[in-house]
PDB file of N, CA and C in Angstrom:
ATOM      1  N   MET A   1       0.855  -1.173   0.000  1.00  0.00           N
ATOM      2  CA  MET A   1       0.000   0.000   0.000  1.00  0.00           C
ATOM      3  C   MET A   1       0.901   1.236   0.000  1.00  0.00           C
ATOM      4  N   SER A   2       0.556   2.213  -0.757  1.00  0.00           N
ATOM      5  CA  SER A   2       1.384   3.420  -0.864  1.00  0.00           C
ATOM      6  C   SER A   2       1.248   4.285   0.384  1.00  0.00           C
ATOM      7  N   TRP A   3       2.235   5.148   0.587  1.00  0.00           N
ATOM      8  CA  TRP A   3       2.207   6.046   1.752  1.00  0.00           C
ATOM      9  C   TRP A   3       1.030   6.992   1.675  1.00  0.00           C
ATOM     10  N   LEU A   4       0.632   7.363   0.453  1.00  0.00           N
ATOM     11  CA  LEU A   4      -0.496   8.282   0.315  1.00  0.00           C
ATOM     12  C   LEU A   4      -1.796   7.601   0.746  1.00  0.00           C
ATOM     13  N   SER A   5      -1.955   6.332   0.401  1.00  0.00           N
ATOM     14  CA  SER A   5      -3.151   5.608   0.820  1.00  0.00           C
ATOM     15  C   SER A   5      -3.238   5.524   2.331  1.00  0.00           C
ATOM     16  N   ARG A   6      -2.115   5.215   2.968  1.00  0.00           N
ATOM     17  CA  ARG A   6      -2.116   5.136   4.428  1.00  0.00           C
ATOM     18  C   ARG A   6      -2.403   6.496   5.046  1.00  0.00           C
ATOM     19  N   LEU A   7      -1.853   7.542   4.449  1.00  0.00           N
ATOM     20  CA  LEU A   7      -2.082   8.884   4.961  1.00  0.00           C
ATOM     21  C   LEU A   7      -3.560   9.239   4.918  1.00  0.00           C
ATOM     22  N   LEU A   8      -4.239   8.810   3.869  1.00  0.00           N
ATOM     23  CA  LEU A   8      -5.641   9.161   3.683  1.00  0.00           C
ATOM     24  C   LEU A   8      -6.589   8.183   4.361  1.00  0.00           C
ATOM     25  N   GLY A   9      -6.029   7.311   5.208  1.00  0.00           N
ATOM     26  CA  GLY A   9      -6.908   6.478   6.016  1.00  0.00           C
ATOM     27  C   GLY A   9      -6.941   5.027   5.628  1.00  0.00           C
ATOM     28  N   GLY A  10      -6.119   4.592   4.701  1.00  0.00           N
ATOM     29  CA  GLY A  10      -6.076   3.187   4.351  1.00  0.00           C
ATOM     30  C   GLY A  10      -5.486   2.393   5.488  1.00  0.00           C
ATOM     31  N   SER A  11      -5.818   1.100   5.524  1.00  0.00           N
ATOM     32  CA  SER A  11      -5.243   0.271   6.576  1.00  0.00           C
ATOM     33  C   SER A  11      -3.867  -0.187   6.154  1.00  0.00           C
ATOM     34  N   GLY A  12      -3.102  -0.582   7.112  1.00  0.00           N
ATOM     35  CA  GLY A  12      -1.755  -1.051   6.842  1.00  0.00           C
ATOM     36  C   GLY A  12      -1.156  -1.532   8.133  1.00  0.00           C
ATOM     37  N   THR A  13       0.102  -1.835   8.096  1.00  0.00           N
ATOM     38  CA  THR A  13       0.764  -2.313   9.296  1.00  0.00           C
ATOM     39  C   THR A  13       1.413  -1.157  10.020  1.00  0.00           C
ATOM     40  N   GLY A  14       0.763  -0.042  10.066  1.00  0.00           N
ATOM     41  CA  GLY A  14       1.336   1.174  10.627  1.00  0.00           C
ATOM     42  C   GLY A  14       1.251   1.263  12.128  1.00  0.00           C
ATOM     43  N   GLY A  15       1.545   0.180  12.847  1.00  0.00           N
ATOM     44  CA  GLY A  15       1.532   0.224  14.297  1.00  0.00           C
ATOM     45  C   GLY A  15       2.463   1.282  14.838  1.00  0.00           C
ATOM     46  N   GLU A  16       3.559   1.524  14.134  1.00  0.00           N
ATOM     47  CA  GLU A  16       4.505   2.543  14.568  1.00  0.00           C
ATOM     48  C   GLU A  16       3.860   3.913  14.533  1.00  0.00           C
ATOM     49  N   ARG A  17       2.949   4.115  13.614  1.00  0.00           N
ATOM     50  CA  ARG A  17       2.319   5.427  13.464  1.00  0.00           C
ATOM     51  C   ARG A  17       1.345   5.712  14.601  1.00  0.00           C
ATOM     52  N   ALA A  18       0.777   4.649  15.157  1.00  0.00           N
ATOM     53  CA  ALA A  18      -0.203   4.831  16.228  1.00  0.00           C
ATOM     54  C   ALA A  18       0.440   5.457  17.460  1.00  0.00           C
ATOM     55  N   ALA A  19       1.718   5.191  17.663  1.00  0.00           N
ATOM     56  CA  ALA A  19       2.425   5.752  18.814  1.00  0.00           C
ATOM     57  C   ALA A  19       2.970   7.130  18.437  1.00  0.00           C
ATOM     58  N   ALA A  20       2.094   8.109  18.431  1.00  0.00           N
ATOM     59  CA  ALA A  20       2.475   9.453  18.010  1.00  0.00           C
ATOM     60  C   ALA A  20       3.365  10.106  19.060  1.00  0.00           C
ATOM     61  N   ALA A  21       4.314  10.886  18.572  1.00  0.00           N
ATOM     62  CA  ALA A  21       5.218  11.609  19.471  1.00  0.00           C
ATOM     63  C   ALA A  21       4.479  12.783  20.100  1.00  0.00           C
ATOM     64  N   GLU A  22       4.972  13.222  21.229  1.00  0.00           N
ATOM     65  CA  GLU A  22       4.410  14.386  21.908  1.00  0.00           C
ATOM     66  C   GLU A  22       4.669  15.637  21.075  1.00  0.00           C
ATOM     67  N   PRO A  23       3.771  16.625  21.134  1.00  0.00           N
ATOM     68  CA  PRO A  23       3.997  17.859  20.372  1.00  0.00           C
ATOM     69  C   PRO A  23       5.182  18.647  20.928  1.00  0.00           C
ATOM     70  N   VAL A  24       5.813  19.382  20.042  1.00  0.00           N
ATOM     71  CA  VAL A  24       6.931  20.253  20.404  1.00  0.00           C
ATOM     72  C   VAL A  24       6.464  21.690  20.205  1.00  0.00           C
ATOM     73  N   ALA A  25       6.564  22.507  21.244  1.00  0.00           N
ATOM     74  CA  ALA A  25       6.199  23.922  21.140  1.00  0.00           C
ATOM     75  C   ALA A  25       7.378  24.678  20.535  1.00  0.00           C
ATOM     76  N   TYR A  26       7.064  25.534  19.539  1.00  0.00           N
ATOM     77  CA  TYR A  26       8.117  26.308  18.881  1.00  0.00           C
ATOM     78  C   TYR A  26       7.527  27.599  18.341  1.00  0.00           C
ATOM     79  N   GLU A  27       7.975  28.733  18.847  1.00  0.00           N
ATOM     80  CA  GLU A  27       7.586  30.061  18.348  1.00  0.00           C
ATOM     81  C   GLU A  27       6.063  30.244  18.264  1.00  0.00           C
ATOM     82  N   GLY A  28       5.314  29.707  19.219  1.00  0.00           N
ATOM     83  CA  GLY A  28       3.863  29.848  19.222  1.00  0.00           C
ATOM     84  C   GLY A  28       3.137  28.801  18.395  1.00  0.00           C
ATOM     85  N   PHE A  29       3.844  27.862  17.813  1.00  0.00           N
ATOM     86  CA  PHE A  29       3.281  26.770  17.025  1.00  0.00           C
ATOM     87  C   PHE A  29       3.445  25.473  17.813  1.00  0.00           C
ATOM     88  N   ARG A  30       2.667  24.458  17.459  1.00  0.00           N
ATOM     89  CA  ARG A  30       2.847  23.108  17.989  1.00  0.00           C
ATOM     90  C   ARG A  30       3.207  22.203  16.814  1.00  0.00           C
ATOM     91  N   ILE A  31       4.278  21.435  16.986  1.00  0.00           N
ATOM     92  CA  ILE A  31       4.736  20.512  15.953  1.00  0.00           C
ATOM     93  C   ILE A  31       4.485  19.102  16.449  1.00  0.00           C
ATOM     94  N   TYR A  32       3.718  18.329  15.679  1.00  0.00           N
ATOM     95  CA  TYR A  32       3.439  16.936  15.985  1.00  0.00           C
ATOM     96  C   TYR A  32       4.155  16.074  14.946  1.00  0.00           C
ATOM     97  N   PRO A  33       5.299  15.497  15.274  1.00  0.00           N
ATOM     98  CA  PRO A  33       5.981  14.629  14.316  1.00  0.00           C
ATOM     99  C   PRO A  33       5.117  13.403  14.047  1.00  0.00           C
ATOM    100  N   GLU A  34       4.921  13.057  12.772  1.00  0.00           N
ATOM    101  CA  GLU A  34       4.084  11.915  12.401  1.00  0.00           C
ATOM    102  C   GLU A  34       4.738  11.141  11.258  1.00  0.00           C
ATOM    103  N   PRO A  35       5.888  10.489  11.520  1.00  0.00           N
ATOM    104  CA  PRO A  35       6.550   9.741  10.450  1.00  0.00           C
ATOM    105  C   PRO A  35       5.605   8.696   9.859  1.00  0.00           C
ATOM    106  N   ILE A  36       5.671   8.524   8.553  1.00  0.00           N
ATOM    107  CA  ILE A  36       4.794   7.591   7.858  1.00  0.00           C
ATOM    108  C   ILE A  36       5.598   6.347   7.486  1.00  0.00           C
ATOM    109  N   PRO A  37       5.227   5.162   8.035  1.00  0.00           N
ATOM    110  CA  PRO A  37       5.938   3.935   7.674  1.00  0.00           C
ATOM    111  C   PRO A  37       5.772   3.640   6.184  1.00  0.00           C
ATOM    112  N   GLU A  38       6.887   3.306   5.541  1.00  0.00           N
ATOM    113  CA  GLU A  38       6.840   2.986   4.117  1.00  0.00           C
ATOM    114  C   GLU A  38       7.981   2.032   3.771  1.00  0.00           C
ATOM    115  N   ASP A  39       7.636   0.812   3.428  1.00  0.00           N
ATOM    116  CA  ASP A  39       8.609  -0.189   2.984  1.00  0.00           C
ATOM    117  C   ASP A  39       9.797  -0.320   3.937  1.00  0.00           C
ATOM    118  N   GLY A  40       9.539  -0.428   5.228  1.00  0.00           N
ATOM    119  CA  GLY A  40      10.594  -0.609   6.207  1.00  0.00           C
ATOM    120  C   GLY A  40      11.342   0.653   6.582  1.00  0.00           C
ATOM    121  N   GLN A  41      10.899   1.785   6.066  1.00  0.00           N
ATOM    122  CA  GLN A  41      11.513   3.070   6.384  1.00  0.00           C
ATOM    123  C   GLN A  41      10.407   4.019   6.858  1.00  0.00           C
ATOM    124  N   PHE A  42      10.792   5.255   7.108  1.00  0.00           N
ATOM    125  CA  PHE A  42       9.821   6.245   7.581  1.00  0.00           C
ATOM    126  C   PHE A  42       9.949   7.527   6.776  1.00  0.00           C
ATOM    127  N   ARG A  43       8.837   7.959   6.189  1.00  0.00           N
ATOM    128  CA  ARG A  43       8.793   9.219   5.453  1.00  0.00           C
ATOM    129  C   ARG A  43       8.630  10.361   6.459  1.00  0.00           C
ATOM    130  N   LEU A  44       9.395  11.438   6.244  1.00  0.00           N
ATOM    131  CA  LEU A  44       9.307  12.610   7.117  1.00  0.00           C
ATOM    132  C   LEU A  44       7.935  13.254   6.969  1.00  0.00           C
ATOM    133  N   ALA A  45       7.258  13.424   8.088  1.00  0.00           N
ATOM    134  CA  ALA A  45       5.952  14.078   8.074  1.00  0.00           C
ATOM    135  C   ALA A  45       5.686  14.666   9.460  1.00  0.00           C
ATOM    136  N   ALA A  46       4.941  15.747   9.474  1.00  0.00           N
ATOM    137  CA  ALA A  46       4.562  16.386  10.739  1.00  0.00           C
ATOM    138  C   ALA A  46       3.306  17.212  10.521  1.00  0.00           C
ATOM    139  N   ARG A  47       2.590  17.416  11.600  1.00  0.00           N
ATOM    140  CA  ARG A  47       1.432  18.313  11.597  1.00  0.00           C
ATOM    141  C   ARG A  47       1.851  19.545  12.388  1.00  0.00           C
ATOM    142  N   ILE A  48       1.640  20.716  11.810  1.00  0.00           N
ATOM    143  CA  ILE A  48       1.979  21.975  12.461  1.00  0.00           C
ATOM    144  C   ILE A  48       0.672  22.699  12.762  1.00  0.00           C
ATOM    145  N   GLU A  49       0.494  23.087  14.022  1.00  0.00           N
ATOM    146  CA  GLU A  49      -0.741  23.753  14.433  1.00  0.00           C
ATOM    147  C   GLU A  49      -0.440  25.068  15.125  1.00  0.00           C
ATOM    148  N   MET A  50      -1.423  25.960  15.045  1.00  0.00           N
ATOM    149  CA  MET A  50      -1.369  27.231  15.756  1.00  0.00           C
ATOM    150  C   MET A  50      -2.801  27.600  16.129  1.00  0.00           C
ATOM    151  N   GLY A  51      -2.994  28.096  17.339  1.00  0.00           N
ATOM    152  CA  GLY A  51      -4.323  28.515  17.775  1.00  0.00           C
ATOM    153  C   GLY A  51      -5.058  27.406  18.499  1.00  0.00           C
ATOM    154  N   GLU A  52      -6.274  27.720  18.900  1.00  0.00           N
ATOM    155  CA  GLU A  52      -7.129  26.796  19.650  1.00  0.00           C
ATOM    156  C   GLU A  52      -8.555  26.908  19.144  1.00  0.00           C
ATOM    157  N   GLY A  53      -9.342  25.895  19.410  1.00  0.00           N
ATOM    158  CA  GLY A  53     -10.769  25.923  19.092  1.00  0.00           C
ATOM    159  C   GLY A  53     -11.045  26.248  17.634  1.00  0.00           C
ATOM    160  N   GLU A  54     -11.945  27.212  17.418  1.00  0.00           N
ATOM    161  CA  GLU A  54     -12.313  27.583  16.051  1.00  0.00           C
ATOM    162  C   GLU A  54     -11.210  28.355  15.338  1.00  0.00           C
ATOM    163  N   ALA A  55     -10.256  28.879  16.093  1.00  0.00           N
ATOM    164  CA  ALA A  55      -9.132  29.612  15.502  1.00  0.00           C
ATOM    165  C   ALA A  55      -7.962  28.680  15.171  1.00  0.00           C
ATOM    166  N   LEU A  56      -8.143  27.365  15.366  1.00  0.00           N
ATOM    167  CA  LEU A  56      -7.084  26.396  15.109  1.00  0.00           C
ATOM    168  C   LEU A  56      -6.762  26.325  13.621  1.00  0.00           C
ATOM    169  N   LYS A  57      -5.481  26.444  13.306  1.00  0.00           N
ATOM    170  CA  LYS A  57      -5.006  26.304  11.933  1.00  0.00           C
ATOM    171  C   LYS A  57      -4.039  25.136  11.901  1.00  0.00           C
ATOM    172  N   THR A  58      -4.115  24.333  10.842  1.00  0.00           N
ATOM    173  CA  THR A  58      -3.290  23.133  10.728  1.00  0.00           C
ATOM    174  C   THR A  58      -2.638  23.067   9.362  1.00  0.00           C
ATOM    175  N   HIS A  59      -1.373  22.668   9.355  1.00  0.00           N
ATOM    176  CA  HIS A  59      -0.638  22.424   8.112  1.00  0.00           C
ATOM    177  C   HIS A  59      -0.020  21.035   8.209  1.00  0.00           C
ATOM    178  N   HIS A  60      -0.213  20.202   7.174  1.00  0.00           N
ATOM    179  CA  HIS A  60       0.384  18.872   7.132  1.00  0.00           C
ATOM    180  C   HIS A  60       1.607  18.928   6.226  1.00  0.00           C
ATOM    181  N   MET A  61       2.761  18.670   6.822  1.00  0.00           N
ATOM    182  CA  MET A  61       4.018  18.685   6.083  1.00  0.00           C
ATOM    183  C   MET A  61       4.403  17.236   5.772  1.00  0.00           C
ATOM    184  N   ILE A  62       4.600  16.932   4.495  1.00  0.00           N
ATOM    185  CA  ILE A  62       5.073  15.615   4.075  1.00  0.00           C
ATOM    186  C   ILE A  62       6.237  15.837   3.134  1.00  0.00           C
ATOM    187  N   ARG A  63       7.363  15.235   3.465  1.00  0.00           N
ATOM    188  CA  ARG A  63       8.588  15.394   2.679  1.00  0.00           C
ATOM    189  C   ARG A  63       8.894  14.093   1.937  1.00  0.00           C
ATOM    190  N   ALA A  64       9.738  14.178   0.937  1.00  0.00           N
ATOM    191  CA  ALA A  64      10.148  13.003   0.174  1.00  0.00           C
ATOM    192  C   ALA A  64      11.190  12.178   0.924  1.00  0.00           C
ATOM    193  N   ASP A  65      11.823  12.762   1.935  1.00  0.00           N
ATOM    194  CA  ASP A  65      12.908  12.098   2.666  1.00  0.00           C
ATOM    195  C   ASP A  65      12.428  10.818   3.344  1.00  0.00           C
ATOM    196  N   LEU A  66      13.221   9.756   3.234  1.00  0.00           N
ATOM    197  CA  LEU A  66      12.960   8.497   3.921  1.00  0.00           C
ATOM    198  C   LEU A  66      14.143   8.188   4.832  1.00  0.00           C
ATOM    199  N   LEU A  67      13.846   7.778   6.056  1.00  0.00           N
ATOM    200  CA  LEU A  67      14.883   7.395   7.008  1.00  0.00           C
ATOM    201  C   LEU A  67      14.556   6.014   7.560  1.00  0.00           C
ATOM    202  N   ARG A  68      15.574   5.247   7.884  1.00  0.00           N
ATOM    203  CA  ARG A  68      15.368   3.887   8.391  1.00  0.00           C
ATOM    204  C   ARG A  68      14.887   3.858   9.842  1.00  0.00           C
ATOM    205  N   ASP A  69      15.317   4.800  10.645  1.00  0.00           N
ATOM    206  CA  ASP A  69      15.017   4.801  12.066  1.00  0.00           C
ATOM    207  C   ASP A  69      13.875   5.771  12.374  1.00  0.00           C
ATOM    208  N   ARG A  70      12.858   5.298  13.100  1.00  0.00           N
ATOM    209  CA  ARG A  70      11.704   6.146  13.409  1.00  0.00           C
ATOM    210  C   ARG A  70      12.102   7.354  14.246  1.00  0.00           C
ATOM    211  N   ASP A  71      12.956   7.154  15.249  1.00  0.00           N
ATOM    212  CA  ASP A  71      13.374   8.265  16.103  1.00  0.00           C
ATOM    213  C   ASP A  71      14.128   9.332  15.309  1.00  0.00           C
ATOM    214  N   GLU A  72      14.952   8.902  14.359  1.00  0.00           N
ATOM    215  CA  GLU A  72      15.648   9.862  13.499  1.00  0.00           C
ATOM    216  C   GLU A  72      14.652  10.623  12.633  1.00  0.00           C
ATOM    217  N   ALA A  73      13.629   9.920  12.156  1.00  0.00           N
ATOM    218  CA  ALA A  73      12.601  10.574  11.338  1.00  0.00           C
ATOM    219  C   ALA A  73      11.830  11.603  12.159  1.00  0.00           C
ATOM    220  N   VAL A  74      11.568  11.301  13.423  1.00  0.00           N
ATOM    221  CA  VAL A  74      10.882  12.247  14.311  1.00  0.00           C
ATOM    222  C   VAL A  74      11.730  13.502  14.483  1.00  0.00           C
ATOM    223  N   GLU A  75      13.012  13.326  14.796  1.00  0.00           N
ATOM    224  CA  GLU A  75      13.907  14.469  14.994  1.00  0.00           C
ATOM    225  C   GLU A  75      14.057  15.297  13.724  1.00  0.00           C
ATOM    226  N   ALA A  76      14.195  14.627  12.583  1.00  0.00           N
ATOM    227  CA  ALA A  76      14.338  15.340  11.304  1.00  0.00           C
ATOM    228  C   ALA A  76      13.061  16.102  10.962  1.00  0.00           C
ATOM    229  N   ALA A  77      11.894  15.521  11.255  1.00  0.00           N
ATOM    230  CA  ALA A  77      10.621  16.196  10.980  1.00  0.00           C
ATOM    231  C   ALA A  77      10.489  17.451  11.827  1.00  0.00           C
ATOM    232  N   ILE A  78      10.922  17.370  13.078  1.00  0.00           N
ATOM    233  CA  ILE A  78      10.872  18.549  13.955  1.00  0.00           C
ATOM    234  C   ILE A  78      11.771  19.647  13.394  1.00  0.00           C
ATOM    235  N   ARG A  79      12.993  19.287  13.005  1.00  0.00           N
ATOM    236  CA  ARG A  79      13.918  20.295  12.446  1.00  0.00           C
ATOM    237  C   ARG A  79      13.353  20.925  11.174  1.00  0.00           C
ATOM    238  N   LYS A  80      12.782  20.108  10.270  1.00  0.00           N
ATOM    239  CA  LYS A  80      12.208  20.645   9.024  1.00  0.00           C
ATOM    240  C   LYS A  80      11.020  21.554   9.320  1.00  0.00           C
ATOM    241  N   ALA A  81      10.177  21.168  10.267  1.00  0.00           N
ATOM    242  CA  ALA A  81       9.025  21.993  10.621  1.00  0.00           C
ATOM    243  C   ALA A  81       9.485  23.319  11.221  1.00  0.00           C
ATOM    244  N   GLN A  82      10.502  23.276  12.083  1.00  0.00           N
ATOM    245  CA  GLN A  82      11.034  24.512  12.652  1.00  0.00           C
ATOM    246  C   GLN A  82      11.600  25.412  11.568  1.00  0.00           C
ATOM    247  N   GLN A  83      12.269  24.824  10.588  1.00  0.00           N
ATOM    248  CA  GLN A  83      12.809  25.598   9.471  1.00  0.00           C
ATOM    249  C   GLN A  83      11.680  26.263   8.679  1.00  0.00           C
ATOM    250  N   MET A  84      10.599  25.525   8.424  1.00  0.00           N
ATOM    251  CA  MET A  84       9.457  26.101   7.710  1.00  0.00           C
ATOM    252  C   MET A  84       8.849  27.252   8.496  1.00  0.00           C
ATOM    253  N   ILE A  85       8.725  27.074   9.806  1.00  0.00           N
ATOM    254  CA  ILE A  85       8.160  28.126  10.654  1.00  0.00           C
ATOM    255  C   ILE A  85       9.055  29.358  10.617  1.00  0.00           C
ATOM    256  N   ASP A  86      10.378  29.154  10.706  1.00  0.00           N
ATOM    257  CA  ASP A  86      11.321  30.276  10.654  1.00  0.00           C
ATOM    258  C   ASP A  86      11.209  31.030   9.327  1.00  0.00           C
ATOM    259  N   GLN A  87      11.019  30.303   8.239  1.00  0.00           N
ATOM    260  CA  GLN A  87      10.980  30.920   6.910  1.00  0.00           C
ATOM    261  C   GLN A  87       9.629  31.540   6.579  1.00  0.00           C
ATOM    262  N   LEU A  88       8.541  30.884   6.995  1.00  0.00           N
ATOM    263  CA  LEU A  88       7.213  31.318   6.564  1.00  0.00           C
ATOM    264  C   LEU A  88       6.348  31.921   7.677  1.00  0.00           C
ATOM    265  N   GLY A  89       6.611  31.569   8.919  1.00  0.00           N
ATOM    266  CA  GLY A  89       5.748  32.045   9.989  1.00  0.00           C
ATOM    267  C   GLY A  89       4.314  31.612   9.761  1.00  0.00           C
ATOM    268  N   ALA A  90       3.358  32.464  10.063  1.00  0.00           N
ATOM    269  CA  ALA A  90       1.936  32.142   9.921  1.00  0.00           C
ATOM    270  C   ALA A  90       1.506  31.955   8.462  1.00  0.00           C
ATOM    271  N   ARG A  91       2.343  32.392   7.506  1.00  0.00           N
ATOM    272  CA  ARG A  91       2.015  32.186   6.084  1.00  0.00           C
ATOM    273  C   ARG A  91       1.995  30.704   5.722  1.00  0.00           C
ATOM    274  N   ILE A  92       2.490  29.879   6.602  1.00  0.00           N
ATOM    275  CA  ILE A  92       2.475  28.432   6.363  1.00  0.00           C
ATOM    276  C   ILE A  92       1.047  27.916   6.158  1.00  0.00           C
ATOM    277  N   PHE A  93       0.064  28.636   6.697  1.00  0.00           N
ATOM    278  CA  PHE A  93      -1.326  28.221   6.608  1.00  0.00           C
ATOM    279  C   PHE A  93      -2.058  28.797   5.396  1.00  0.00           C
ATOM    280  N   ASP A  94      -1.393  29.596   4.601  1.00  0.00           N
ATOM    281  CA  ASP A  94      -2.036  30.201   3.411  1.00  0.00           C
ATOM    282  C   ASP A  94      -2.261  29.186   2.307  1.00  0.00           C
TER     283      ASP A  94
END
């Protein structure tokens, strides 16, 4: 099954994905690393949020990068999300 199918709710052996990492607070944003299992590796992915309730804004970041280790993928996703926040700020939600 492709990573896109799993992302959109397809079933798979994504037990690793169920154990989501804790959010990381950064510059008023929350970063939720969500590596996507794919063929024994992990695709870099994260959810970036800002605000609460009806003012909640969400951006789903999915990169082409694949890493073998889930923990490395989590750390890399956090760094990439922080870089996006530094470069775009709130424009990330446009």
